[in-house]
C-alpha atoms as a PDB file:
ATOM      1  CA  MET A   1      -3.380  -4.588 -44.305  1.00  0.00           C
ATOM      2  CA  GLY A   2      -3.598  -0.958 -43.169  1.00  0.00           C
ATOM      3  CA  ARG A   3      -1.638   0.498 -40.292  1.00  0.00           C
ATOM      4  CA  ILE A   4      -3.176   0.846 -36.833  1.00  0.00           C
ATOM      5  CA  ILE A   5      -2.813   3.745 -34.413  1.00  0.00           C
ATOM      6  CA  THR A   6      -4.012   3.112 -30.855  1.00  0.00           C
ATOM      7  CA  LEU A   7      -4.931   5.795 -28.333  1.00  0.00           C
ATOM      8  CA  THR A   8      -4.572   5.551 -24.553  1.00  0.00           C
ATOM      9  CA  THR A   9      -5.350   8.687 -22.532  1.00  0.00           C
ATOM     10  CA  ASP A  10      -6.851  10.078 -19.338  1.00  0.00           C
ATOM     11  CA  PHE A  11      -9.105  12.417 -21.335  1.00  0.00           C
ATOM     12  CA  GLY A  12     -12.423  10.630 -20.807  1.00  0.00           C
ATOM     13  CA  THR A  13     -15.175  11.116 -23.367  1.00  0.00           C
ATOM     14  CA  LYS A  14     -17.006  14.235 -22.136  1.00  0.00           C
ATOM     15  CA  ASP A  15     -14.665  16.699 -23.837  1.00  0.00           C
ATOM     16  CA  PRO A  16     -13.669  16.965 -27.518  1.00  0.00           C
ATOM     17  CA  PHE A  17     -10.010  16.069 -26.917  1.00  0.00           C
ATOM     18  CA  VAL A  18     -10.119  12.499 -28.248  1.00  0.00           C
ATOM     19  CA  GLY A  19     -12.232  13.458 -31.230  1.00  0.00           C
ATOM     20  CA  GLN A  20      -9.796  16.224 -32.180  1.00  0.00           C
ATOM     21  CA  MET A  21      -6.860  13.809 -32.008  1.00  0.00           C
ATOM     22  CA  LYS A  22      -8.683  11.404 -34.322  1.00  0.00           C
ATOM     23  CA  GLY A  23      -9.541  14.254 -36.681  1.00  0.00           C
ATOM     24  CA  VAL A  24      -5.880  15.251 -36.951  1.00  0.00           C
ATOM     25  CA  ILE A  25      -4.816  11.651 -37.607  1.00  0.00           C
ATOM     26  CA  LYS A  26      -7.462  11.065 -40.268  1.00  0.00           C
ATOM     27  CA  SER A  27      -6.695  14.413 -41.966  1.00  0.00           C
ATOM     28  CA  ILE A  28      -3.100  13.283 -42.494  1.00  0.00           C
ATOM     29  CA  ASN A  29      -3.800   9.606 -43.229  1.00  0.00           C
ATOM     30  CA  PRO A  30      -7.444   8.829 -44.031  1.00  0.00           C
ATOM     31  CA  ASN A  31      -6.582   5.145 -44.515  1.00  0.00           C
ATOM     32  CA  VAL A  32      -5.204   4.442 -41.054  1.00  0.00           C
ATOM     33  CA  ASP A  33      -7.320   2.576 -38.501  1.00  0.00           C
ATOM     34  CA  VAL A  34      -7.608   4.310 -35.121  1.00  0.00           C
ATOM     35  CA  VAL A  35      -8.349   2.056 -32.132  1.00  0.00           C
ATOM     36  CA  ASP A  36      -9.174   3.256 -28.620  1.00  0.00           C
ATOM     37  CA  ILE A  37      -7.491   1.194 -25.917  1.00  0.00           C
ATOM     38  CA  THR A  38      -8.970   3.389 -23.183  1.00  0.00           C
ATOM     39  CA  HIS A  39      -9.571   7.034 -22.334  1.00  0.00           C
ATOM     40  CA  GLU A  40     -10.423   6.287 -18.711  1.00  0.00           C
ATOM     41  CA  ILE A  41      -6.956   6.211 -17.160  1.00  0.00           C
ATOM     42  CA  THR A  42      -7.166   7.825 -13.728  1.00  0.00           C
ATOM     43  CA  PRO A  43      -6.343  11.510 -14.371  1.00  0.00           C
ATOM     44  CA  HIS A  44      -2.588  12.185 -14.216  1.00  0.00           C
ATOM     45  CA  SER A  45      -1.761   8.556 -13.294  1.00  0.00           C
ATOM     46  CA  ILE A  46       1.384   7.906 -15.309  1.00  0.00           C
ATOM     47  CA  LYS A  47       1.958   4.549 -13.618  1.00  0.00           C
ATOM     48  CA  GLU A  48      -1.546   3.306 -14.460  1.00  0.00           C
ATOM     49  CA  ALA A  49      -1.067   4.305 -18.088  1.00  0.00           C
ATOM     50  CA  ALA A  50       2.306   2.545 -18.153  1.00  0.00           C
ATOM     51  CA  ILE A  51       0.692  -0.646 -16.876  1.00  0.00           C
ATOM     52  CA  VAL A  52      -2.292  -0.475 -19.259  1.00  0.00           C
ATOM     53  CA  ILE A  53      -0.199   0.034 -22.400  1.00  0.00           C
ATOM     54  CA  GLY A  54       2.264  -2.586 -21.179  1.00  0.00           C
ATOM     55  CA  LEU A  55      -0.557  -5.121 -20.864  1.00  0.00           C
ATOM     56  CA  SER A  56      -2.188  -4.194 -24.180  1.00  0.00           C
ATOM     57  CA  TYR A  57       0.239  -3.488 -27.005  1.00  0.00           C
ATOM     58  CA  SER A  58       1.212  -7.087 -27.783  1.00  0.00           C
ATOM     59  CA  TYR A  59      -2.373  -7.879 -28.869  1.00  0.00           C
ATOM     60  CA  PHE A  60      -1.980  -5.588 -31.885  1.00  0.00           C
ATOM     61  CA  PRO A  61      -0.371  -6.452 -35.229  1.00  0.00           C
ATOM     62  CA  PRO A  62       3.301  -5.705 -35.901  1.00  0.00           C
ATOM     63  CA  ARG A  63       4.016  -2.104 -36.959  1.00  0.00           C
ATOM     64  CA  SER A  64       1.143  -0.746 -34.853  1.00  0.00           C
ATOM     65  CA  ILE A  65       1.677   2.751 -33.479  1.00  0.00           C
ATOM     66  CA  HIS A  66       0.607   3.397 -29.886  1.00  0.00           C
ATOM     67  CA  VAL A  67      -0.073   6.974 -28.752  1.00  0.00           C
ATOM     68  CA  VAL A  68      -0.216   7.396 -24.978  1.00  0.00           C
ATOM     69  CA  VAL A  69      -1.172  10.771 -23.529  1.00  0.00           C
ATOM     70  CA  VAL A  70      -1.206  11.005 -19.746  1.00  0.00           C
ATOM     71  CA  ASP A  71       0.772  14.169 -19.504  1.00  0.00           C
ATOM     72  CA  PRO A  72       0.549  16.352 -16.386  1.00  0.00           C
ATOM     73  CA  GLY A  73       3.848  17.998 -17.436  1.00  0.00           C
ATOM     74  CA  VAL A  74       2.578  19.147 -20.838  1.00  0.00           C
ATOM     75  CA  GLY A  75       4.275  22.372 -21.919  1.00  0.00           C
ATOM     76  CA  SER A  76       7.223  21.907 -19.545  1.00  0.00           C
ATOM     77  CA  GLU A  77      10.773  20.827 -20.396  1.00  0.00           C
ATOM     78  CA  ARG A  78       9.832  17.140 -20.659  1.00  0.00           C
ATOM     79  CA  LYS A  79      10.514  15.758 -24.142  1.00  0.00           C
ATOM     80  CA  PRO A  80       8.053  14.369 -26.678  1.00  0.00           C
ATOM     81  CA  ILE A  81       9.414  10.965 -27.704  1.00  0.00           C
ATOM     82  CA  LEU A  82       9.014   8.189 -30.247  1.00  0.00           C
ATOM     83  CA  VAL A  83       9.944   4.744 -28.918  1.00  0.00           C
ATOM     84  CA  VAL A  84      10.853   2.106 -31.493  1.00  0.00           C
ATOM     85  CA  THR A  85      10.826  -1.595 -30.560  1.00  0.00           C
ATOM     86  CA  GLU A  86      11.152  -4.697 -32.709  1.00  0.00           C
ATOM     87  CA  ASN A  87       7.478  -4.789 -33.716  1.00  0.00           C
ATOM     88  CA  HIS A  88       5.790  -1.669 -32.328  1.00  0.00           C
ATOM     89  CA  TYR A  89       6.078   2.109 -32.073  1.00  0.00           C
ATOM     90  CA  PHE A  90       5.116   4.280 -29.088  1.00  0.00           C
ATOM     91  CA  ILE A  91       4.580   8.034 -29.081  1.00  0.00           C
ATOM     92  CA  GLY A  92       4.001  10.251 -26.063  1.00  0.00           C
ATOM     93  CA  PRO A  93       5.648  12.292 -23.327  1.00  0.00           C
ATOM     94  CA  ASP A  94       8.959  11.367 -21.734  1.00  0.00           C
ATOM     95  CA  ASN A  95       7.529  11.086 -18.225  1.00  0.00           C
ATOM     96  CA  GLY A  96       7.858   7.358 -17.552  1.00  0.00           C
ATOM     97  CA  VAL A  97       4.652   6.312 -19.288  1.00  0.00           C
ATOM     98  CA  PHE A  98       6.609   3.763 -21.362  1.00  0.00           C
ATOM     99  CA  SER A  99       8.498   2.254 -18.417  1.00  0.00           C
ATOM    100  CA  LEU A 100       6.929  -1.193 -18.782  1.00  0.00           C
ATOM    101  CA  ILE A 101       7.726  -1.132 -22.510  1.00  0.00           C
ATOM    102  CA  TYR A 102      11.379  -0.455 -21.668  1.00  0.00           C
ATOM    103  CA  GLN A 103      11.358  -3.458 -19.325  1.00  0.00           C
ATOM    104  CA  LYS A 104       9.781  -5.795 -21.854  1.00  0.00           C
ATOM    105  CA  GLU A 105      11.506  -4.580 -25.015  1.00  0.00           C
ATOM    106  CA  GLY A 106      14.952  -3.651 -23.719  1.00  0.00           C
ATOM    107  CA  ALA A 107      16.771  -5.994 -26.107  1.00  0.00           C
ATOM    108  CA  PHE A 108      15.644  -3.903 -29.087  1.00  0.00           C
ATOM    109  CA  LEU A 109      14.967  -0.303 -28.227  1.00  0.00           C
ATOM    110  CA  GLN A 110      15.435   3.056 -29.898  1.00  0.00           C
ATOM    111  CA  VAL A 111      14.156   6.305 -28.417  1.00  0.00           C
ATOM    112  CA  ILE A 112      13.818   9.388 -30.618  1.00  0.00           C
ATOM    113  CA  HIS A 113      13.493  12.887 -29.148  1.00  0.00           C
ATOM    114  CA  ILE A 114      10.809  14.402 -31.403  1.00  0.00           C
ATOM    115  CA  THR A 115      12.054  17.812 -32.573  1.00  0.00           C
ATOM    116  CA  ALA A 116      11.017  18.038 -36.254  1.00  0.00           C
ATOM    117  CA  ASP A 117       8.265  20.598 -35.698  1.00  0.00           C
ATOM    118  CA  HIS A 118       7.259  20.756 -39.374  1.00  0.00           C
ATOM    119  CA  TYR A 119       5.320  17.564 -38.589  1.00  0.00           C
ATOM    120  CA  PHE A 120       3.356  19.322 -35.814  1.00  0.00           C
ATOM    121  CA  ILE A 121       0.060  21.042 -36.497  1.00  0.00           C
ATOM    122  CA  ARG A 122       1.047  23.839 -34.095  1.00  0.00           C
ATOM    123  CA  LYS A 123       4.577  24.865 -33.144  1.00  0.00           C
ATOM    124  CA  ASP A 124       3.538  27.140 -30.270  1.00  0.00           C
ATOM    125  CA  THR A 125       1.514  24.481 -28.477  1.00  0.00           C
ATOM    126  CA  SER A 126       1.789  24.231 -24.678  1.00  0.00           C
ATOM    127  CA  THR A 127      -1.390  22.571 -23.408  1.00  0.00           C
ATOM    128  CA  PHE A 128      -2.472  19.890 -25.903  1.00  0.00           C
ATOM    129  CA  HIS A 129       0.481  17.953 -27.271  1.00  0.00           C
ATOM    130  CA  GLY A 130      -1.827  14.977 -27.818  1.00  0.00           C
ATOM    131  CA  ARG A 131      -3.497  16.823 -30.673  1.00  0.00           C
ATOM    132  CA  ASP A 132      -0.722  19.135 -31.823  1.00  0.00           C
ATOM    133  CA  ILE A 133       2.365  16.860 -31.663  1.00  0.00           C
ATOM    134  CA  PHE A 134       1.700  13.210 -30.858  1.00  0.00           C
ATOM    135  CA  SER A 135      -1.276  12.660 -33.195  1.00  0.00           C
ATOM    136  CA  PRO A 136       0.286  14.222 -36.309  1.00  0.00           C
ATOM    137  CA  VAL A 137       3.621  12.475 -35.709  1.00  0.00           C
ATOM    138  CA  ALA A 138       1.781   9.147 -35.397  1.00  0.00           C
ATOM    139  CA  ALA A 139      -0.146   9.856 -38.589  1.00  0.00           C
ATOM    140  CA  TRP A 140       2.960  10.792 -40.571  1.00  0.00           C
ATOM    141  CA  LEU A 141       4.751   7.720 -39.226  1.00  0.00           C
ATOM    142  CA  SER A 142       1.799   5.587 -40.411  1.00  0.00           C
ATOM    143  CA  ARG A 143       2.341   7.032 -43.889  1.00  0.00           C
ATOM    144  CA  GLY A 144       5.895   5.718 -43.961  1.00  0.00           C
ATOM    145  CA  ILE A 145       8.026   8.650 -42.794  1.00  0.00           C
ATOM    146  CA  PRO A 146      11.291   7.136 -41.404  1.00  0.00           C
ATOM    147  CA  VAL A 147      11.608   7.336 -37.622  1.00  0.00           C
ATOM    148  CA  ASN A 148      14.886   9.260 -37.768  1.00  0.00           C
ATOM    149  CA  ASN A 149      13.167  12.090 -39.660  1.00  0.00           C
ATOM    150  CA  PHE A 150      11.329  13.048 -36.471  1.00  0.00           C
ATOM    151  CA  GLY A 151      14.399  13.853 -34.389  1.00  0.00           C
ATOM    152  CA  GLU A 152      17.623  12.591 -32.887  1.00  0.00           C
ATOM    153  CA  GLU A 153      18.104   9.363 -30.992  1.00  0.00           C
ATOM    154  CA  THR A 154      18.589   9.774 -27.237  1.00  0.00           C
ATOM    155  CA  ASP A 155      19.698   7.460 -24.458  1.00  0.00           C
ATOM    156  CA  GLU A 156      18.272   9.763 -21.782  1.00  0.00           C
ATOM    157  CA  PHE A 157      14.643   8.939 -21.056  1.00  0.00           C
ATOM    158  CA  MET A 158      12.615   8.695 -17.883  1.00  0.00           C
ATOM    159  CA  ARG A 159      11.703   5.435 -16.192  1.00  0.00           C
ATOM    160  CA  ILE A 160       9.401   5.107 -13.209  1.00  0.00           C
ATOM    161  CA  PRO A 161       9.409   2.074 -10.900  1.00  0.00           C
ATOM    162  CA  ILE A 162       6.910  -0.582 -11.972  1.00  0.00           C
ATOM    163  CA  PRO A 163       6.498  -2.997  -9.053  1.00  0.00           C
ATOM    164  CA  ALA A 164       7.661  -6.551  -9.674  1.00  0.00           C
ATOM    165  CA  PRO A 165       6.923  -9.615  -7.513  1.00  0.00           C
ATOM    166  CA  THR A 166       9.678 -10.907  -5.246  1.00  0.00           C
ATOM    167  CA  ARG A 167      10.702 -14.290  -3.813  1.00  0.00           C
ATOM    168  CA  PRO A 168      11.513 -13.673  -0.124  1.00  0.00           C
ATOM    169  CA  THR A 169      12.089 -17.438   0.268  1.00  0.00           C
ATOM    170  CA  LYS A 170      11.954 -20.521  -1.972  1.00  0.00           C
ATOM    171  CA  SER A 171       8.449 -21.256  -0.723  1.00  0.00           C
ATOM    172  CA  THR A 172       6.983 -17.738  -0.840  1.00  0.00           C
ATOM    173  CA  ILE A 173       6.103 -15.135  -3.456  1.00  0.00           C
ATOM    174  CA  GLU A 174       5.205 -11.550  -2.613  1.00  0.00           C
ATOM    175  CA  GLY A 175       3.416  -9.210  -4.984  1.00  0.00           C
ATOM    176  CA  GLU A 176       1.039  -6.275  -4.917  1.00  0.00           C
ATOM    177  CA  ILE A 177      -2.127  -4.884  -6.463  1.00  0.00           C
ATOM    178  CA  ILE A 178      -1.211  -2.890  -9.575  1.00  0.00           C
ATOM    179  CA  TYR A 179      -4.582  -2.231 -11.231  1.00  0.00           C
ATOM    180  CA  ILE A 180      -8.298  -2.225 -10.388  1.00  0.00           C
ATOM    181  CA  ASP A 181     -10.724  -2.610 -13.281  1.00  0.00           C
ATOM    182  CA  ARG A 182     -14.257  -1.186 -13.591  1.00  0.00           C
ATOM    183  CA  PHE A 183     -15.733  -4.367 -12.064  1.00  0.00           C
ATOM    184  CA  GLY A 184     -13.648  -3.871  -8.932  1.00  0.00           C
ATOM    185  CA  ASN A 185     -11.392  -6.817  -9.709  1.00  0.00           C
ATOM    186  CA  ALA A 186      -7.952  -6.255  -8.198  1.00  0.00           C
ATOM    187  CA  ILE A 187      -5.137  -7.321 -10.516  1.00  0.00           C
ATOM    188  CA  THR A 188      -1.747  -8.201  -9.074  1.00  0.00           C
ATOM    189  CA  ASN A 189       1.721  -8.350 -10.597  1.00  0.00           C
ATOM    190  CA  ILE A 190       2.058 -12.086  -9.874  1.00  0.00           C
ATOM    191  CA  THR A 191       2.128 -13.911 -13.209  1.00  0.00           C
ATOM    192  CA  SER A 192       0.719 -17.234 -14.326  1.00  0.00           C
ATOM    193  CA  ASN A 193       4.252 -18.323 -15.213  1.00  0.00           C
ATOM    194  CA  MET A 194       5.232 -17.994 -11.569  1.00  0.00           C
ATOM    195  CA  LEU A 195       2.362 -20.190 -10.347  1.00  0.00           C
ATOM    196  CA  LEU A 196       1.548 -22.742 -13.036  1.00  0.00           C
ATOM    197  CA  PRO A 197       4.658 -24.899 -12.524  1.00  0.00           C
ATOM    198  CA  TYR A 198       3.617 -25.472  -8.911  1.00  0.00           C
ATOM    199  CA  ILE A 199      -0.002 -26.121  -9.890  1.00  0.00           C
ATOM    200  CA  LYS A 200       1.114 -28.691 -12.487  1.00  0.00           C
ATOM    201  CA  ASP A 201       3.310 -30.384  -9.856  1.00  0.00           C
ATOM    202  CA  ASN A 202       0.261 -30.643  -7.561  1.00  0.00           C
ATOM    203  CA  LYS A 203       1.809 -28.390  -4.958  1.00  0.00           C
ATOM    204  CA  LYS A 204      -0.569 -26.461  -2.742  1.00  0.00           C
ATOM    205  CA  LEU A 205      -0.681 -22.707  -3.217  1.00  0.00           C
ATOM    206  CA  LYS A 206      -2.015 -20.649  -0.346  1.00  0.00           C
ATOM    207  CA  VAL A 207      -2.908 -17.082  -1.360  1.00  0.00           C
ATOM    208  CA  ILE A 208      -2.789 -14.688   1.599  1.00  0.00           C
ATOM    209  CA  PHE A 209      -4.306 -11.199   1.509  1.00  0.00           C
ATOM    210  CA  LYS A 210      -4.666  -8.987   4.586  1.00  0.00           C
ATOM    211  CA  GLY A 211      -3.944 -11.953   6.814  1.00  0.00           C
ATOM    212  CA  LYS A 212      -6.621 -14.234   5.340  1.00  0.00           C
ATOM    213  CA  GLU A 213      -6.428 -17.091   2.850  1.00  0.00           C
ATOM    214  CA  VAL A 214      -8.082 -16.387  -0.499  1.00  0.00           C
ATOM    215  CA  PRO A 215      -9.252 -19.547  -2.336  1.00  0.00           C
ATOM    216  CA  LEU A 216      -7.914 -20.004  -5.869  1.00  0.00           C
ATOM    217  CA  LYS A 217     -10.553 -20.691  -8.526  1.00  0.00           C
ATOM    218  CA  THR A 218     -10.455 -21.468 -12.242  1.00  0.00           C
ATOM    219  CA  TYR A 219     -13.272 -19.157 -13.392  1.00  0.00           C
ATOM    220  CA  TYR A 220     -15.473 -16.461 -11.803  1.00  0.00           C
ATOM    221  CA  ALA A 221     -18.711 -18.456 -11.407  1.00  0.00           C
ATOM    222  CA  GLU A 222     -16.854 -21.172  -9.533  1.00  0.00           C
ATOM    223  CA  ALA A 223     -17.150 -18.998  -6.422  1.00  0.00           C
ATOM    224  CA  GLU A 224     -19.764 -20.344  -3.995  1.00  0.00           C
ATOM    225  CA  ASP A 225     -20.669 -17.053  -2.343  1.00  0.00           C
ATOM    226  CA  LYS A 226     -19.824 -13.345  -2.135  1.00  0.00           C
ATOM    227  CA  GLU A 227     -16.491 -13.831  -0.396  1.00  0.00           C
ATOM    228  CA  LEU A 228     -13.111 -12.877  -1.832  1.00  0.00           C
ATOM    229  CA  TYR A 229     -11.583 -15.316  -4.333  1.00  0.00           C
ATOM    230  CA  CYS A 230      -8.724 -15.253  -6.809  1.00  0.00           C
ATOM    231  CA  LEU A 231      -7.941 -16.661 -10.245  1.00  0.00           C
ATOM    232  CA  LEU A 232      -5.450 -16.361 -13.102  1.00  0.00           C
ATOM    233  CA  ASN A 233      -7.008 -13.837 -15.454  1.00  0.00           C
ATOM    234  CA  SER A 234      -6.861 -13.069 -19.180  1.00  0.00           C
ATOM    235  CA  PHE A 235      -3.701 -10.974 -18.665  1.00  0.00           C
ATOM    236  CA  ASP A 236      -2.036 -14.086 -17.161  1.00  0.00           C
ATOM    237  CA  LEU A 237      -1.950 -12.312 -13.803  1.00  0.00           C
ATOM    238  CA  LEU A 238      -3.348 -13.286 -10.425  1.00  0.00           C
ATOM    239  CA  GLU A 239      -6.571 -11.377  -9.737  1.00  0.00           C
ATOM    240  CA  LEU A 240      -8.762 -10.946  -6.659  1.00  0.00           C
ATOM    241  CA  TYR A 241     -12.505 -10.891  -7.303  1.00  0.00           C
ATOM    242  CA  VAL A 242     -15.991 -11.191  -5.856  1.00  0.00           C
ATOM    243  CA  TYR A 243     -18.410 -13.024  -8.132  1.00  0.00           C
ATOM    244  CA  ARG A 244     -20.981 -10.502  -9.371  1.00  0.00           C
ATOM    245  CA  GLY A 245     -19.610  -8.045  -6.854  1.00  0.00           C
ATOM    246  CA  ASN A 246     -16.926  -5.388  -6.462  1.00  0.00           C
ATOM    247  CA  ALA A 247     -13.917  -6.753  -4.607  1.00  0.00           C
ATOM    248  CA  ALA A 248     -12.152  -3.404  -4.333  1.00  0.00           C
ATOM    249  CA  LYS A 249     -15.120  -1.709  -2.633  1.00  0.00           C
ATOM    250  CA  GLU A 250     -16.300  -4.633  -0.538  1.00  0.00           C
ATOM    251  CA  PHE A 251     -12.851  -5.534   0.798  1.00  0.00           C
ATOM    252  CA  ASN A 252     -11.268  -2.064   0.762  1.00  0.00           C
ATOM    253  CA  ILE A 253      -8.571  -3.046  -1.731  1.00  0.00           C
ATOM    254  CA  ARG A 254      -6.166  -0.355  -2.896  1.00  0.00           C
ATOM    255  CA  ILE A 255      -3.351  -0.091  -5.424  1.00  0.00           C
ATOM    256  CA  GLY A 256      -0.148  -1.122  -3.686  1.00  0.00           C
ATOM    257  CA  ASP A 257      -1.760  -3.567  -1.238  1.00  0.00           C
ATOM    258  CA  ILE A 258       0.515  -6.547  -0.673  1.00  0.00           C
ATOM    259  CA  ILE A 259      -0.446 -10.134  -1.514  1.00  0.00           C
ATOM    260  CA  GLY A 260       1.499 -13.251  -0.634  1.00  0.00           C
ATOM    261  CA  ILE A 261       1.738 -16.823  -1.916  1.00  0.00           C
ATOM    262  CA  ILE A 262       2.867 -19.742   0.249  1.00  0.00           C
ATOM    263  CA  ILE A 263       3.952 -22.841  -1.676  1.00  0.00           C
ATOM    264  CA  SER A 264       3.803 -26.237   0.032  1.00  0.00           C
ATOM    265  CA  GLN A 265       3.652 -29.933  -0.883  1.00  0.00           C
END
């Protein structure tokens, strides 16, 4: 089976940036498969990119290489890095974009500061490291170049806070909205694992958002009307939705909004 390189960026599809990155990769390794995760990250949103790659990488085969380019500090002193975990590789800027990876893969983690510029396609690059550094390094890695050939290991790398749910009391959970998809569904950081034990024990879960209870459903079409509902989604996260509507627009939902769970008999 051939190697896979994934791309996650805020470049969109209007400009030639993504195409140039793919051209560089294929020029170095014509046999590698290149998969787009998304190019519609909100421009400059490092946290959104961190969440998207953190929710996505585990669906790819072992030894996949994930290039993430949301890089408002391109050309500055921030380092280009290669992150090695037990089953996956991550390449991008050292600006916190791999923070969720560090949380999930902390037991097996190696971070390489990429300095071996003979693997770059341009050494004087200052505005497009996605094409000139990250893409060629990913392509050479996919051809079997050992990770330590790209630079020296470092234990200094940037993390940004990724919000986690809390348990203010034994009977309450507090989380927040961390992502809004193109349908306007508002995804929280409250996981299925936190809720399913109570559901299986037939305990009542009351979901509270902006002071109102939000009914919990099993699937989207179970909603009876255009009101706000919630369910456990395909990411195994609690999600707010409006059936055939846009919950974020219709209920003025924003990233960072707080959501609460009350657990009772």
